[in-house]
């Protein structure tokens, strides 16, 4: 570590803080000792069975398991109890450790120190200082630029002083604690537009936006009058330049799941506000790289005065929207230049300039073979064709946007955008939908996805898909036995699945008031993110050798299925766990599923990270090598005064 840093103090918590367990049983000491001796002589696999037999508190009976695990969220203590005097030290030690001899023989890792409080909102791959090294052309400097290996922090990101458990959904849609996101800039800058208000110790979100000051609900009703938002044909949406994500927040009540994104820019913390509200969002920007989503992912794309120059750079940004829109999907545009005749004075632009911009956008849309559905008042809507059959014919008769050469349209991790039209799967008639027709929501969730039905996903058949769905229903049921809070509405809202595969984990939780960010690692053998979207779920590509494009304290629960086996020998396991700590809320939970040897190694690191953790047998019993590690991140914050820290712990 660079220099030394005083440890922050753990804030005082109520009598029953959230912890992985409260007691260990001591009744089986002799059995434990025997198991320890035997384990030295036989396969290391017995380590997992040993942990099971030692405690005797984890079983397939929910009542027995729940007595041992307390995942409940606690009420935030009084403000003067949040961080004690700086002369005291933050206790990173694990208070609930096993007493068996095995534990005492293991080498204990030195506890990870807290980072300087200035890193409270640190986003490693969107760091403002690092971004200044890069080209400003097309805003490339605001894209992902991750730290070099020697720059990666080896410390724990602190929550700000006074941090509180977020409001439960649906109250969180409208309310966020000021202490959690202490930024008032938007309350001044966007006051007239009804984005956000500051009220005593909290922010209130009235649901307004730049182009919908009367509220997102009324604005969505206007869109619904132009295209049908009620029949289940529109389930997934993307909001480009989302602000505080009120559009996506209010679409949730209509069973439309929106991926909202915006850059980390002068509108301080807009994506952070969205996440605190319990709304799906990522830091992102349309610049030079493809968006981290597969082709044909979204049923609807939206821009409400998002300030994206759709008509510039050969229309490349609208071309990228076309790539991620499904056949028959819609693009909704409000704000400049739409309805410019009534707004040009307020926008302080000339009529000629705005007219030229609209003509240019219309031209790009036409080159994409889009059809303009409606333009009414401040809203214009275009529709992508069901296939490219007629588009191919028209291209032979006129000079138009060329089709892209043969390549993978789903490749979207640091992939350069192109000014060419992404090919759709071939069809035999003009009425046929390229790639296959999607079922309407909610049938879409469990229907065989078209990518699987057509054999586009190597090695995945309809039978395998259905078996996988049933498998995850059983696994999630087991999770809820071990973690008795997972099934309780309001405890968890923002969930992350680090290795989502076919989206079975998220699908099994669909009736709970939560959402799951389904990540398909770019290192995975099979790219299944397109299947996730065809099921009506959302997600993103990610390499876990790098930080995620999100703020600290984004997720309430993180699920990691075989993640560490996947990244073995690719990058440092501690860096992945430290990133998980960064994006996990205080008192958030983690479920790691992996080989027993991997799980034991991960537990060593976790025990040095101020988490409580416990290894649990596989749902099929102790004789399965795969084990589960359940963990809870303990509650602590930065001290009241930032002058009590001195080091950045950056190496």
Foldseek 3Di string as FASTA:
>chain_A
DPDDKFFFAFFDFPPDAAAQFDAADPPCQVVLQVLVVVCVVDDVLCVLVSQCVRRVQDDLDLVSLVNGGGLFHGFDDDLQRFTDDLVDGHDLFDPHDDDHPVVVPDDFDAFAGAFFQVCLWPDQQQDPVVLVVDDPALHPSLAGDHDDPLQAFRHFRFQARPDTDFFFPPVLLFKGFCSRPVDCVCCVVCVQQQQWHDDDGMITGQQGDPQRSVHLVVVVVVVCVQPPLQPQQFAEEEEALQFLPSNQSVCVVSNHAYEYEETCDPSHCSQVNNLSSLHHYFYHHPGWFAFQFFFQQGQEYEYEPSPDQCLPPLSLVVLSVNRNHFAFHKYKYFDAPAPVVVCVVVVVHDPVVRVVSVVSNVQQCVLQVWAWRDRDHGMTMITHHQFCPVVVVVVVVDPGAAADPDDRRGDGDRHTTDRHHYHFADDDDRPAGGLHDADGPPVQQLPQFSCQVVCVWPPHHNVNSNVLLVVLLVVVVSVCSNHVCVPPARQWAEEEEQDCQQVSNQSSCVVHNHAYAYEHEPLDPIDNSSNCSSSSHHYGYDHLLGAGRDTFQSGQEYEYECNCVSCVVPHDPLSSVSSVSRNHHASGKYKYKHFQVVVVVVVSSVSSHSKHKGKAQDPVDSVDRIIMMMITRHGHRGDPDSVSIDRRSRD
